Amino acid sequence: MSSVLEIYRITEQLFKLVEKPVNSDDREDLIDKLTSLLEERELIIKENIRPKDDQEKQLGEQIILWNKTIEARLAQLKSQIQQDMMNLKKAKVTNRQYADPYQDVSVSDGMFYDKRR
């Protein structure tokens, strides 16, 4: 099997994975699958074999089109993860403030200092 055809096959799998809607429960499994496919594809790409005929060139053009969609969806996935992390951090702060509301109160609260002396 030619390397271009192998890259095409892997890119097609990547494209099918990112096209599916992702919920937060299945996201970790999806990321594992995407990572393994991307690593496999990277190893094949490093061989740096050029397309030999017109059919492989057409496959290469399709790979480029799919890759644009894959990159866009991965960027969306990254932003979703960042948003979830920010929400989790905010929830932790809120829970901590609820558990100990006087945690951030300074010691000098309510004291009066006479500036004249």
PDB file of N, CA and C in Angstrom:
ATOM      1  N   MET A   1       0.854  -1.179   0.000  1.00  0.00           N
ATOM      2  CA  MET A   1       0.000   0.000   0.000  1.00  0.00           C
ATOM      3  C   MET A   1       0.894   1.234   0.000  1.00  0.00           C
ATOM      4  N   SER A   2       0.578   2.190  -0.850  1.00  0.00           N
ATOM      5  CA  SER A   2       1.390   3.398  -0.924  1.00  0.00           C
ATOM      6  C   SER A   2       1.168   4.269   0.311  1.00  0.00           C
ATOM      7  N   SER A   3       2.160   5.082   0.591  1.00  0.00           N
ATOM      8  CA  SER A   3       2.063   5.926   1.781  1.00  0.00           C
ATOM      9  C   SER A   3       0.959   6.966   1.639  1.00  0.00           C
ATOM     10  N   VAL A   4       0.733   7.461   0.435  1.00  0.00           N
ATOM     11  CA  VAL A   4      -0.333   8.447   0.223  1.00  0.00           C
ATOM     12  C   VAL A   4      -1.693   7.810   0.512  1.00  0.00           C
ATOM     13  N   LEU A   5      -1.872   6.578   0.086  1.00  0.00           N
ATOM     14  CA  LEU A   5      -3.128   5.877   0.335  1.00  0.00           C
ATOM     15  C   LEU A   5      -3.307   5.606   1.834  1.00  0.00           C
ATOM     16  N   GLU A   6      -2.211   5.290   2.514  1.00  0.00           N
ATOM     17  CA  GLU A   6      -2.270   5.064   3.955  1.00  0.00           C
ATOM     18  C   GLU A   6      -2.613   6.363   4.692  1.00  0.00           C
ATOM     19  N   ILE A   7      -2.016   7.463   4.291  1.00  0.00           N
ATOM     20  CA  ILE A   7      -2.334   8.773   4.883  1.00  0.00           C
ATOM     21  C   ILE A   7      -3.792   9.121   4.614  1.00  0.00           C
ATOM     22  N   TYR A   8      -4.262   8.820   3.408  1.00  0.00           N
ATOM     23  CA  TYR A   8      -5.656   9.062   3.057  1.00  0.00           C
ATOM     24  C   TYR A   8      -6.593   8.283   3.981  1.00  0.00           C
ATOM     25  N   ARG A   9      -6.268   7.012   4.210  1.00  0.00           N
ATOM     26  CA  ARG A   9      -7.103   6.154   5.052  1.00  0.00           C
ATOM     27  C   ARG A   9      -7.156   6.702   6.485  1.00  0.00           C
ATOM     28  N   ILE A  10      -6.013   7.083   7.030  1.00  0.00           N
ATOM     29  CA  ILE A  10      -5.960   7.592   8.399  1.00  0.00           C
ATOM     30  C   ILE A  10      -6.684   8.940   8.498  1.00  0.00           C
ATOM     31  N   THR A  11      -6.485   9.805   7.505  1.00  0.00           N
ATOM     32  CA  THR A  11      -7.142  11.115   7.511  1.00  0.00           C
ATOM     33  C   THR A  11      -8.651  10.958   7.404  1.00  0.00           C
ATOM     34  N   GLU A  12      -9.093   9.981   6.638  1.00  0.00           N
ATOM     35  CA  GLU A  12     -10.529   9.718   6.545  1.00  0.00           C
ATOM     36  C   GLU A  12     -11.095   9.293   7.902  1.00  0.00           C
ATOM     37  N   GLN A  13     -10.362   8.459   8.635  1.00  0.00           N
ATOM     38  CA  GLN A  13     -10.796   8.050   9.969  1.00  0.00           C
ATOM     39  C   GLN A  13     -10.855   9.261  10.909  1.00  0.00           C
ATOM     40  N   LEU A  14      -9.833  10.113  10.826  1.00  0.00           N
ATOM     41  CA  LEU A  14      -9.822  11.334  11.638  1.00  0.00           C
ATOM     42  C   LEU A  14     -11.028  12.204  11.315  1.00  0.00           C
ATOM     43  N   PHE A  15     -11.302  12.376  10.037  1.00  0.00           N
ATOM     44  CA  PHE A  15     -12.419  13.201   9.590  1.00  0.00           C
ATOM     45  C   PHE A  15     -13.739  12.661  10.119  1.00  0.00           C
ATOM     46  N   LYS A  16     -13.924  11.347  10.053  1.00  0.00           N
ATOM     47  CA  LYS A  16     -15.162  10.744  10.550  1.00  0.00           C
ATOM     48  C   LYS A  16     -15.297  10.912  12.062  1.00  0.00           C
ATOM     49  N   LEU A  17     -14.185  10.850  12.776  1.00  0.00           N
ATOM     50  CA  LEU A  17     -14.227  11.021  14.230  1.00  0.00           C
ATOM     51  C   LEU A  17     -14.610  12.439  14.625  1.00  0.00           C
ATOM     52  N   VAL A  18     -14.052  13.430  13.955  1.00  0.00           N
ATOM     53  CA  VAL A  18     -14.325  14.813  14.355  1.00  0.00           C
ATOM     54  C   VAL A  18     -15.679  15.299  13.862  1.00  0.00           C
ATOM     55  N   GLU A  19     -16.265  14.629  12.902  1.00  0.00           N
ATOM     56  CA  GLU A  19     -17.576  15.035  12.399  1.00  0.00           C
ATOM     57  C   GLU A  19     -18.697  14.668  13.362  1.00  0.00           C
ATOM     58  N   LYS A  20     -18.462  13.674  14.197  1.00  0.00           N
ATOM     59  CA  LYS A  20     -19.495  13.260  15.149  1.00  0.00           C
ATOM     60  C   LYS A  20     -19.591  14.291  16.266  1.00  0.00           C
ATOM     61  N   PRO A  21     -20.816  14.539  16.759  1.00  0.00           N
ATOM     62  CA  PRO A  21     -20.939  15.422  17.929  1.00  0.00           C
ATOM     63  C   PRO A  21     -20.319  14.757  19.155  1.00  0.00           C
ATOM     64  N   VAL A  22     -19.676  15.577  19.976  1.00  0.00           N
ATOM     65  CA  VAL A  22     -18.948  15.054  21.130  1.00  0.00           C
ATOM     66  C   VAL A  22     -19.578  15.582  22.409  1.00  0.00           C
ATOM     67  N   ASN A  23     -19.901  14.673  23.323  1.00  0.00           N
ATOM     68  CA  ASN A  23     -20.332  15.105  24.646  1.00  0.00           C
ATOM     69  C   ASN A  23     -19.154  14.964  25.602  1.00  0.00           C
ATOM     70  N   SER A  24     -19.244  15.597  26.731  1.00  0.00           N
ATOM     71  CA  SER A  24     -18.103  15.655  27.641  1.00  0.00           C
ATOM     72  C   SER A  24     -17.757  14.290  28.237  1.00  0.00           C
ATOM     73  N   ASP A  25     -18.695  13.348  28.258  1.00  0.00           N
ATOM     74  CA  ASP A  25     -18.415  12.021  28.810  1.00  0.00           C
ATOM     75  C   ASP A  25     -17.507  11.197  27.891  1.00  0.00           C
ATOM     76  N   ASP A  26     -17.705  11.310  26.584  1.00  0.00           N
ATOM     77  CA  ASP A  26     -16.940  10.521  25.616  1.00  0.00           C
ATOM     78  C   ASP A  26     -15.701  11.257  25.100  1.00  0.00           C
ATOM     79  N   ARG A  27     -15.485  12.458  25.581  1.00  0.00           N
ATOM     80  CA  ARG A  27     -14.420  13.293  25.033  1.00  0.00           C
ATOM     81  C   ARG A  27     -13.034  12.692  25.261  1.00  0.00           C
ATOM     82  N   GLU A  28     -12.801  12.088  26.406  1.00  0.00           N
ATOM     83  CA  GLU A  28     -11.477  11.532  26.694  1.00  0.00           C
ATOM     84  C   GLU A  28     -11.147  10.376  25.747  1.00  0.00           C
ATOM     85  N   ASP A  29     -12.122   9.505  25.485  1.00  0.00           N
ATOM     86  CA  ASP A  29     -11.899   8.413  24.536  1.00  0.00           C
ATOM     87  C   ASP A  29     -11.630   8.951  23.141  1.00  0.00           C
ATOM     88  N   LEU A  30     -12.371   9.973  22.750  1.00  0.00           N
ATOM     89  CA  LEU A  30     -12.167  10.583  21.442  1.00  0.00           C
ATOM     90  C   LEU A  30     -10.763  11.165  21.324  1.00  0.00           C
ATOM     91  N   ILE A  31     -10.319  11.834  22.360  1.00  0.00           N
ATOM     92  CA  ILE A  31      -8.984  12.433  22.333  1.00  0.00           C
ATOM     93  C   ILE A  31      -7.914  11.356  22.220  1.00  0.00           C
ATOM     94  N   ASP A  32      -8.092  10.238  22.921  1.00  0.00           N
ATOM     95  CA  ASP A  32      -7.135   9.132  22.822  1.00  0.00           C
ATOM     96  C   ASP A  32      -7.072   8.580  21.402  1.00  0.00           C
ATOM     97  N   LYS A  33      -8.241   8.376  20.789  1.00  0.00           N
ATOM     98  CA  LYS A  33      -8.277   7.861  19.414  1.00  0.00           C
ATOM     99  C   LYS A  33      -7.640   8.853  18.436  1.00  0.00           C
ATOM    100  N   LEU A  34      -7.986  10.126  18.590  1.00  0.00           N
ATOM    101  CA  LEU A  34      -7.420  11.152  17.714  1.00  0.00           C
ATOM    102  C   LEU A  34      -5.906  11.219  17.853  1.00  0.00           C
ATOM    103  N   THR A  35      -5.429  11.154  19.075  1.00  0.00           N
ATOM    104  CA  THR A  35      -3.990  11.231  19.310  1.00  0.00           C
ATOM    105  C   THR A  35      -3.261  10.070  18.664  1.00  0.00           C
ATOM    106  N   SER A  36      -3.790   8.870  18.821  1.00  0.00           N
ATOM    107  CA  SER A  36      -3.118   7.708  18.229  1.00  0.00           C
ATOM    108  C   SER A  36      -3.120   7.784  16.704  1.00  0.00           C
ATOM    109  N   LEU A  37      -4.239   8.211  16.112  1.00  0.00           N
ATOM    110  CA  LEU A  37      -4.297   8.339  14.655  1.00  0.00           C
ATOM    111  C   LEU A  37      -3.355   9.435  14.147  1.00  0.00           C
ATOM    112  N   LEU A  38      -3.298  10.554  14.867  1.00  0.00           N
ATOM    113  CA  LEU A  38      -2.405  11.637  14.454  1.00  0.00           C
ATOM    114  C   LEU A  38      -0.944  11.219  14.542  1.00  0.00           C
ATOM    115  N   GLU A  39      -0.598  10.465  15.580  1.00  0.00           N
ATOM    116  CA  GLU A  39       0.783   9.987  15.714  1.00  0.00           C
ATOM    117  C   GLU A  39       1.131   9.005  14.601  1.00  0.00           C
ATOM    118  N   GLU A  40       0.192   8.120  14.293  1.00  0.00           N
ATOM    119  CA  GLU A  40       0.410   7.154  13.215  1.00  0.00           C
ATOM    120  C   GLU A  40       0.588   7.870  11.876  1.00  0.00           C
ATOM    121  N   ARG A  41      -0.259   8.862  11.636  1.00  0.00           N
ATOM    122  CA  ARG A  41      -0.167   9.622  10.389  1.00  0.00           C
ATOM    123  C   ARG A  41       1.131  10.407  10.314  1.00  0.00           C
ATOM    124  N   GLU A  42       1.571  10.947  11.443  1.00  0.00           N
ATOM    125  CA  GLU A  42       2.809  11.718  11.464  1.00  0.00           C
ATOM    126  C   GLU A  42       4.009  10.851  11.085  1.00  0.00           C
ATOM    127  N   LEU A  43       4.028   9.608  11.572  1.00  0.00           N
ATOM    128  CA  LEU A  43       5.131   8.708  11.229  1.00  0.00           C
ATOM    129  C   LEU A  43       5.188   8.440   9.727  1.00  0.00           C
ATOM    130  N   ILE A  44       4.031   8.282   9.120  1.00  0.00           N
ATOM    131  CA  ILE A  44       3.984   8.021   7.678  1.00  0.00           C
ATOM    132  C   ILE A  44       4.374   9.269   6.898  1.00  0.00           C
ATOM    133  N   ILE A  45       3.926  10.430   7.355  1.00  0.00           N
ATOM    134  CA  ILE A  45       4.243  11.682   6.659  1.00  0.00           C
ATOM    135  C   ILE A  45       5.738  11.967   6.696  1.00  0.00           C
ATOM    136  N   LYS A  46       6.401  11.572   7.782  1.00  0.00           N
ATOM    137  CA  LYS A  46       7.842  11.822   7.908  1.00  0.00           C
ATOM    138  C   LYS A  46       8.660  11.094   6.846  1.00  0.00           C
ATOM    139  N   GLU A  47       8.078  10.058   6.247  1.00  0.00           N
ATOM    140  CA  GLU A  47       8.779   9.359   5.165  1.00  0.00           C
ATOM    141  C   GLU A  47       8.963  10.261   3.949  1.00  0.00           C
ATOM    142  N   ASN A  48       8.109  11.282   3.855  1.00  0.00           N
ATOM    143  CA  ASN A  48       8.202  12.303   2.821  1.00  0.00           C
ATOM    144  C   ASN A  48       8.192  11.714   1.405  1.00  0.00           C
ATOM    145  N   ILE A  49       7.232  10.865   1.136  1.00  0.00           N
ATOM    146  CA  ILE A  49       7.081  10.282  -0.194  1.00  0.00           C
ATOM    147  C   ILE A  49       6.074  11.116  -0.974  1.00  0.00           C
ATOM    148  N   ARG A  50       6.434  11.536  -2.132  1.00  0.00           N
ATOM    149  CA  ARG A  50       5.588  12.370  -2.991  1.00  0.00           C
ATOM    150  C   ARG A  50       4.600  11.499  -3.779  1.00  0.00           C
ATOM    151  N   PRO A  51       3.469  12.082  -4.174  1.00  0.00           N
ATOM    152  CA  PRO A  51       2.514  11.338  -5.009  1.00  0.00           C
ATOM    153  C   PRO A  51       3.140  10.992  -6.364  1.00  0.00           C
ATOM    154  N   LYS A  52       2.832   9.784  -6.834  1.00  0.00           N
ATOM    155  CA  LYS A  52       3.458   9.299  -8.068  1.00  0.00           C
ATOM    156  C   LYS A  52       2.603   9.530  -9.308  1.00  0.00           C
ATOM    157  N   ASP A  53       1.299   9.475  -9.148  1.00  0.00           N
ATOM    158  CA  ASP A  53       0.432   9.630 -10.319  1.00  0.00           C
ATOM    159  C   ASP A  53      -0.729  10.568  -9.989  1.00  0.00           C
ATOM    160  N   ASP A  54      -1.608  10.740 -10.971  1.00  0.00           N
ATOM    161  CA  ASP A  54      -2.735  11.661 -10.790  1.00  0.00           C
ATOM    162  C   ASP A  54      -3.706  11.208  -9.709  1.00  0.00           C
ATOM    163  N   GLN A  55      -3.894   9.912  -9.578  1.00  0.00           N
ATOM    164  CA  GLN A  55      -4.807   9.404  -8.557  1.00  0.00           C
ATOM    165  C   GLN A  55      -4.296   9.772  -7.163  1.00  0.00           C
ATOM    166  N   GLU A  56      -3.005   9.618  -6.936  1.00  0.00           N
ATOM    167  CA  GLU A  56      -2.443   9.974  -5.631  1.00  0.00           C
ATOM    168  C   GLU A  56      -2.496  11.479  -5.408  1.00  0.00           C
ATOM    169  N   LYS A  57      -2.384  12.268  -6.461  1.00  0.00           N
ATOM    170  CA  LYS A  57      -2.514  13.722  -6.326  1.00  0.00           C
ATOM    171  C   LYS A  57      -3.934  14.097  -5.914  1.00  0.00           C
ATOM    172  N   GLN A  58      -4.928  13.418  -6.498  1.00  0.00           N
ATOM    173  CA  GLN A  58      -6.322  13.671  -6.125  1.00  0.00           C
ATOM    174  C   GLN A  58      -6.568  13.272  -4.673  1.00  0.00           C
ATOM    175  N   LEU A  59      -5.981  12.162  -4.264  1.00  0.00           N
ATOM    176  CA  LEU A  59      -6.092  11.753  -2.869  1.00  0.00           C
ATOM    177  C   LEU A  59      -5.458  12.806  -1.961  1.00  0.00           C
ATOM    178  N   GLY A  60      -4.327  13.343  -2.390  1.00  0.00           N
ATOM    179  CA  GLY A  60      -3.649  14.389  -1.619  1.00  0.00           C
ATOM    180  C   GLY A  60      -4.499  15.640  -1.491  1.00  0.00           C
ATOM    181  N   GLU A  61      -5.200  16.015  -2.553  1.00  0.00           N
ATOM    182  CA  GLU A  61      -6.081  17.187  -2.493  1.00  0.00           C
ATOM    183  C   GLU A  61      -7.238  16.944  -1.519  1.00  0.00           C
ATOM    184  N   GLN A  62      -7.784  15.722  -1.545  1.00  0.00           N
ATOM    185  CA  GLN A  62      -8.863  15.382  -0.608  1.00  0.00           C
ATOM    186  C   GLN A  62      -8.342  15.400   0.827  1.00  0.00           C
ATOM    187  N   ILE A  63      -7.121  14.918   1.032  1.00  0.00           N
ATOM    188  CA  ILE A  63      -6.504  14.936   2.362  1.00  0.00           C
ATOM    189  C   ILE A  63      -6.394  16.371   2.866  1.00  0.00           C
ATOM    190  N   ILE A  64      -5.980  17.276   1.994  1.00  0.00           N
ATOM    191  CA  ILE A  64      -5.836  18.690   2.377  1.00  0.00           C
ATOM    192  C   ILE A  64      -7.180  19.282   2.778  1.00  0.00           C
ATOM    193  N   LEU A  65      -8.233  18.981   2.014  1.00  0.00           N
ATOM    194  CA  LEU A  65      -9.572  19.481   2.349  1.00  0.00           C
ATOM    195  C   LEU A  65     -10.047  18.938   3.696  1.00  0.00           C
ATOM    196  N   TRP A  66      -9.873  17.637   3.894  1.00  0.00           N
ATOM    197  CA  TRP A  66     -10.274  17.037   5.165  1.00  0.00           C
ATOM    198  C   TRP A  66      -9.466  17.623   6.314  1.00  0.00           C
ATOM    199  N   ASN A  67      -8.183  17.850   6.062  1.00  0.00           N
ATOM    200  CA  ASN A  67      -7.305  18.342   7.121  1.00  0.00           C
ATOM    201  C   ASN A  67      -7.750  19.720   7.618  1.00  0.00           C
ATOM    202  N   LYS A  68      -8.249  20.561   6.723  1.00  0.00           N
ATOM    203  CA  LYS A  68      -8.744  21.875   7.137  1.00  0.00           C
ATOM    204  C   LYS A  68      -9.920  21.728   8.104  1.00  0.00           C
ATOM    205  N   THR A  69     -10.830  20.814   7.779  1.00  0.00           N
ATOM    206  CA  THR A  69     -11.972  20.564   8.653  1.00  0.00           C
ATOM    207  C   THR A  69     -11.518  19.970   9.982  1.00  0.00           C
ATOM    208  N   ILE A  70     -10.575  19.043   9.915  1.00  0.00           N
ATOM    209  CA  ILE A  70     -10.056  18.404  11.132  1.00  0.00           C
ATOM    210  C   ILE A  70      -9.430  19.448  12.044  1.00  0.00           C
ATOM    211  N   GLU A  71      -8.618  20.332  11.476  1.00  0.00           N
ATOM    212  CA  GLU A  71      -7.966  21.371  12.273  1.00  0.00           C
ATOM    213  C   GLU A  71      -8.991  22.298  12.927  1.00  0.00           C
ATOM    214  N   ALA A  72     -10.026  22.665  12.185  1.00  0.00           N
ATOM    215  CA  ALA A  72     -11.066  23.538  12.732  1.00  0.00           C
ATOM    216  C   ALA A  72     -11.800  22.856  13.887  1.00  0.00           C
ATOM    217  N   ARG A  73     -12.140  21.592  13.712  1.00  0.00           N
ATOM    218  CA  ARG A  73     -12.861  20.862  14.765  1.00  0.00           C
ATOM    219  C   ARG A  73     -11.972  20.636  15.991  1.00  0.00           C
ATOM    220  N   LEU A  74     -10.683  20.398  15.763  1.00  0.00           N
ATOM    221  CA  LEU A  74      -9.769  20.234  16.895  1.00  0.00           C
ATOM    222  C   LEU A  74      -9.628  21.541  17.661  1.00  0.00           C
ATOM    223  N   ALA A  75      -9.639  22.654  16.960  1.00  0.00           N
ATOM    224  CA  ALA A  75      -9.586  23.955  17.627  1.00  0.00           C
ATOM    225  C   ALA A  75     -10.851  24.177  18.459  1.00  0.00           C
ATOM    226  N   GLN A  76     -12.008  23.775  17.927  1.00  0.00           N
ATOM    227  CA  GLN A  76     -13.255  23.874  18.689  1.00  0.00           C
ATOM    228  C   GLN A  76     -13.212  22.986  19.926  1.00  0.00           C
ATOM    229  N   LEU A  77     -12.692  21.785  19.755  1.00  0.00           N
ATOM    230  CA  LEU A  77     -12.575  20.861  20.881  1.00  0.00           C
ATOM    231  C   LEU A  77     -11.658  21.439  21.949  1.00  0.00           C
ATOM    232  N   LYS A  78     -10.571  22.032  21.523  1.00  0.00           N
ATOM    233  CA  LYS A  78      -9.634  22.657  22.462  1.00  0.00           C
ATOM    234  C   LYS A  78     -10.315  23.790  23.224  1.00  0.00           C
ATOM    235  N   SER A  79     -11.072  24.629  22.525  1.00  0.00           N
ATOM    236  CA  SER A  79     -11.751  25.738  23.199  1.00  0.00           C
ATOM    237  C   SER A  79     -12.827  25.231  24.159  1.00  0.00           C
ATOM    238  N   GLN A  80     -13.513  24.139  23.806  1.00  0.00           N
ATOM    239  CA  GLN A  80     -14.489  23.544  24.721  1.00  0.00           C
ATOM    240  C   GLN A  80     -13.804  23.054  25.998  1.00  0.00           C
ATOM    241  N   ILE A  81     -12.664  22.418  25.839  1.00  0.00           N
ATOM    242  CA  ILE A  81     -11.933  21.912  26.998  1.00  0.00           C
ATOM    243  C   ILE A  81     -11.460  23.071  27.868  1.00  0.00           C
ATOM    244  N   GLN A  82     -10.950  24.128  27.241  1.00  0.00           N
ATOM    245  CA  GLN A  82     -10.508  25.296  28.003  1.00  0.00           C
ATOM    246  C   GLN A  82     -11.679  25.928  28.751  1.00  0.00           C
ATOM    247  N   GLN A  83     -12.821  26.016  28.105  1.00  0.00           N
ATOM    248  CA  GLN A  83     -14.011  26.581  28.747  1.00  0.00           C
ATOM    249  C   GLN A  83     -14.442  25.724  29.932  1.00  0.00           C
ATOM    250  N   ASP A  84     -14.422  24.404  29.756  1.00  0.00           N
ATOM    251  CA  ASP A  84     -14.783  23.505  30.854  1.00  0.00           C
ATOM    252  C   ASP A  84     -13.809  23.638  32.016  1.00  0.00           C
ATOM    253  N   MET A  85     -12.531  23.812  31.707  1.00  0.00           N
ATOM    254  CA  MET A  85     -11.534  23.977  32.764  1.00  0.00           C
ATOM    255  C   MET A  85     -11.758  25.283  33.520  1.00  0.00           C
ATOM    256  N   MET A  86     -12.098  26.356  32.807  1.00  0.00           N
ATOM    257  CA  MET A  86     -12.372  27.632  33.456  1.00  0.00           C
ATOM    258  C   MET A  86     -13.613  27.534  34.338  1.00  0.00           C
ATOM    259  N   ASN A  87     -14.644  26.863  33.833  1.00  0.00           N
ATOM    260  CA  ASN A  87     -15.866  26.683  34.618  1.00  0.00           C
ATOM    261  C   ASN A  87     -15.603  25.853  35.873  1.00  0.00           C
ATOM    262  N   LEU A  88     -14.772  24.831  35.741  1.00  0.00           N
ATOM    263  CA  LEU A  88     -14.432  24.004  36.890  1.00  0.00           C
ATOM    264  C   LEU A  88     -13.653  24.805  37.927  1.00  0.00           C
ATOM    265  N   LYS A  89     -12.723  25.615  37.462  1.00  0.00           N
ATOM    266  CA  LYS A  89     -11.937  26.450  38.372  1.00  0.00           C
ATOM    267  C   LYS A  89     -12.849  27.451  39.093  1.00  0.00           C
ATOM    268  N   LYS A  90     -13.773  28.034  38.342  1.00  0.00           N
ATOM    269  CA  LYS A  90     -14.714  28.983  38.929  1.00  0.00           C
ATOM    270  C   LYS A  90     -15.614  28.294  39.961  1.00  0.00           C
ATOM    271  N   ALA A  91     -16.040  27.078  39.658  1.00  0.00           N
ATOM    272  CA  ALA A  91     -16.884  26.326  40.582  1.00  0.00           C
ATOM    273  C   ALA A  91     -16.116  25.985  41.862  1.00  0.00           C
ATOM    274  N   LYS A  92     -14.839  25.659  41.726  1.00  0.00           N
ATOM    275  CA  LYS A  92     -14.029  25.361  42.909  1.00  0.00           C
ATOM    276  C   LYS A  92     -13.914  26.588  43.814  1.00  0.00           C
ATOM    277  N   VAL A  93     -13.677  27.747  43.212  1.00  0.00           N
ATOM    278  CA  VAL A  93     -13.568  28.979  43.987  1.00  0.00           C
ATOM    279  C   VAL A  93     -14.891  29.285  44.676  1.00  0.00           C
ATOM    280  N   THR A  94     -15.971  29.131  43.969  1.00  0.00           N
ATOM    281  CA  THR A  94     -17.292  29.388  44.533  1.00  0.00           C
ATOM    282  C   THR A  94     -17.580  28.437  45.695  1.00  0.00           C
ATOM    283  N   ASN A  95     -17.264  27.168  45.517  1.00  0.00           N
ATOM    284  CA  ASN A  95     -17.487  26.197  46.593  1.00  0.00           C
ATOM    285  C   ASN A  95     -16.628  26.506  47.808  1.00  0.00           C
ATOM    286  N   ARG A  96     -15.390  26.907  47.571  1.00  0.00           N
ATOM    287  CA  ARG A  96     -14.499  27.242  48.680  1.00  0.00           C
ATOM    288  C   ARG A  96     -15.022  28.468  49.422  1.00  0.00           C
ATOM    289  N   GLN A  97     -15.499  29.472  48.707  1.00  0.00           N
ATOM    290  CA  GLN A  97     -16.053  30.669  49.347  1.00  0.00           C
ATOM    291  C   GLN A  97     -17.324  30.343  50.112  1.00  0.00           C
ATOM    292  N   TYR A  98     -18.096  29.416  49.604  1.00  0.00           N
ATOM    293  CA  TYR A  98     -19.318  29.018  50.298  1.00  0.00           C
ATOM    294  C   TYR A  98     -18.981  28.260  51.574  1.00  0.00           C
ATOM    295  N   ALA A  99     -17.976  27.412  51.525  1.00  0.00           N
ATOM    296  CA  ALA A  99     -17.601  26.614  52.691  1.00  0.00           C
ATOM    297  C   ALA A  99     -16.980  27.475  53.788  1.00  0.00           C
ATOM    298  N   ASP A 100     -16.179  28.482  53.415  1.00  0.00           N
ATOM    299  CA  ASP A 100     -15.527  29.348  54.401  1.00  0.00           C
ATOM    300  C   ASP A 100     -15.664  30.801  53.937  1.00  0.00           C
ATOM    301  N   PRO A 101     -16.805  31.442  54.238  1.00  0.00           N
ATOM    302  CA  PRO A 101     -17.050  32.781  53.702  1.00  0.00           C
ATOM    303  C   PRO A 101     -16.136  33.864  54.290  1.00  0.00           C
ATOM    304  N   TYR A 102     -15.541  33.604  55.443  1.00  0.00           N
ATOM    305  CA  TYR A 102     -14.690  34.614  56.072  1.00  0.00           C
ATOM    306  C   TYR A 102     -13.203  34.356  55.822  1.00  0.00           C
ATOM    307  N   GLN A 103     -12.906  33.572  54.846  1.00  0.00           N
ATOM    308  CA  GLN A 103     -11.526  33.205  54.535  1.00  0.00           C
ATOM    309  C   GLN A 103     -10.700  34.402  54.082  1.00  0.00           C
ATOM    310  N   ASP A 104     -11.251  35.269  53.291  1.00  0.00           N
ATOM    311  CA  ASP A 104     -10.505  36.388  52.723  1.00  0.00           C
ATOM    312  C   ASP A 104     -10.668  37.685  53.501  1.00  0.00           C
ATOM    313  N   VAL A 105     -11.282  37.653  54.649  1.00  0.00           N
ATOM    314  CA  VAL A 105     -11.479  38.859  55.444  1.00  0.00           C
ATOM    315  C   VAL A 105     -10.155  39.201  56.117  1.00  0.00           C
ATOM    316  N   SER A 106      -9.733  40.448  55.995  1.00  0.00           N
ATOM    317  CA  SER A 106      -8.465  40.845  56.596  1.00  0.00           C
ATOM    318  C   SER A 106      -8.619  41.013  58.106  1.00  0.00           C
ATOM    319  N   VAL A 107      -7.504  40.935  58.800  1.00  0.00           N
ATOM    320  CA  VAL A 107      -7.500  40.990  60.262  1.00  0.00           C
ATOM    321  C   VAL A 107      -7.873  42.377  60.754  1.00  0.00           C
ATOM    322  N   SER A 108      -7.495  43.391  60.047  1.00  0.00           N
ATOM    323  CA  SER A 108      -7.742  44.753  60.493  1.00  0.00           C
ATOM    324  C   SER A 108      -9.162  45.228  60.195  1.00  0.00           C
ATOM    325  N   ASP A 109     -10.008  44.339  59.777  1.00  0.00           N
ATOM    326  CA  ASP A 109     -11.376  44.704  59.449  1.00  0.00           C
ATOM    327  C   ASP A 109     -12.094  45.201  60.707  1.00  0.00           C
ATOM    328  N   GLY A 110     -12.622  46.422  60.671  1.00  0.00           N
ATOM    329  CA  GLY A 110     -13.366  46.987  61.770  1.00  0.00           C
ATOM    330  C   GLY A 110     -12.515  47.749  62.757  1.00  0.00           C
ATOM    331  N   MET A 111     -11.231  47.775  62.571  1.00  0.00           N
ATOM    332  CA  MET A 111     -10.367  48.497  63.516  1.00  0.00           C
ATOM    333  C   MET A 111     -10.235  49.939  63.058  1.00  0.00           C
ATOM    334  N   PHE A 112     -10.056  50.822  64.016  1.00  0.00           N
ATOM    335  CA  PHE A 112      -9.890  52.237  63.701  1.00  0.00           C
ATOM    336  C   PHE A 112      -8.484  52.660  64.111  1.00  0.00           C
ATOM    337  N   TYR A 113      -7.797  53.291  63.212  1.00  0.00           N
ATOM    338  CA  TYR A 113      -6.460  53.826  63.500  1.00  0.00           C
ATOM    339  C   TYR A 113      -6.537  55.333  63.575  1.00  0.00           C
ATOM    340  N   ASP A 114      -6.028  55.901  64.660  1.00  0.00           N
ATOM    341  CA  ASP A 114      -5.982  57.330  64.825  1.00  0.00           C
ATOM    342  C   ASP A 114      -4.731  57.843  64.133  1.00  0.00           C
ATOM    343  N   LYS A 115      -4.891  58.666  63.130  1.00  0.00           N
ATOM    344  CA  LYS A 115      -3.753  59.134  62.356  1.00  0.00           C
ATOM    345  C   LYS A 115      -3.033  60.300  63.033  1.00  0.00           C
ATOM    346  N   ARG A 116      -3.622  60.901  64.042  1.00  0.00           N
ATOM    347  CA  ARG A 116      -3.025  62.084  64.667  1.00  0.00           C
ATOM    348  C   ARG A 116      -1.831  61.730  65.542  1.00  0.00           C
ATOM    349  N   ARG A 117      -1.751  60.593  66.063  1.00  0.00           N
ATOM    350  CA  ARG A 117      -0.644  60.262  66.969  1.00  0.00           C
ATOM    351  C   ARG A 117       0.519  59.703  66.283  1.00  0.00           C
TER     352      ARG A 117
END
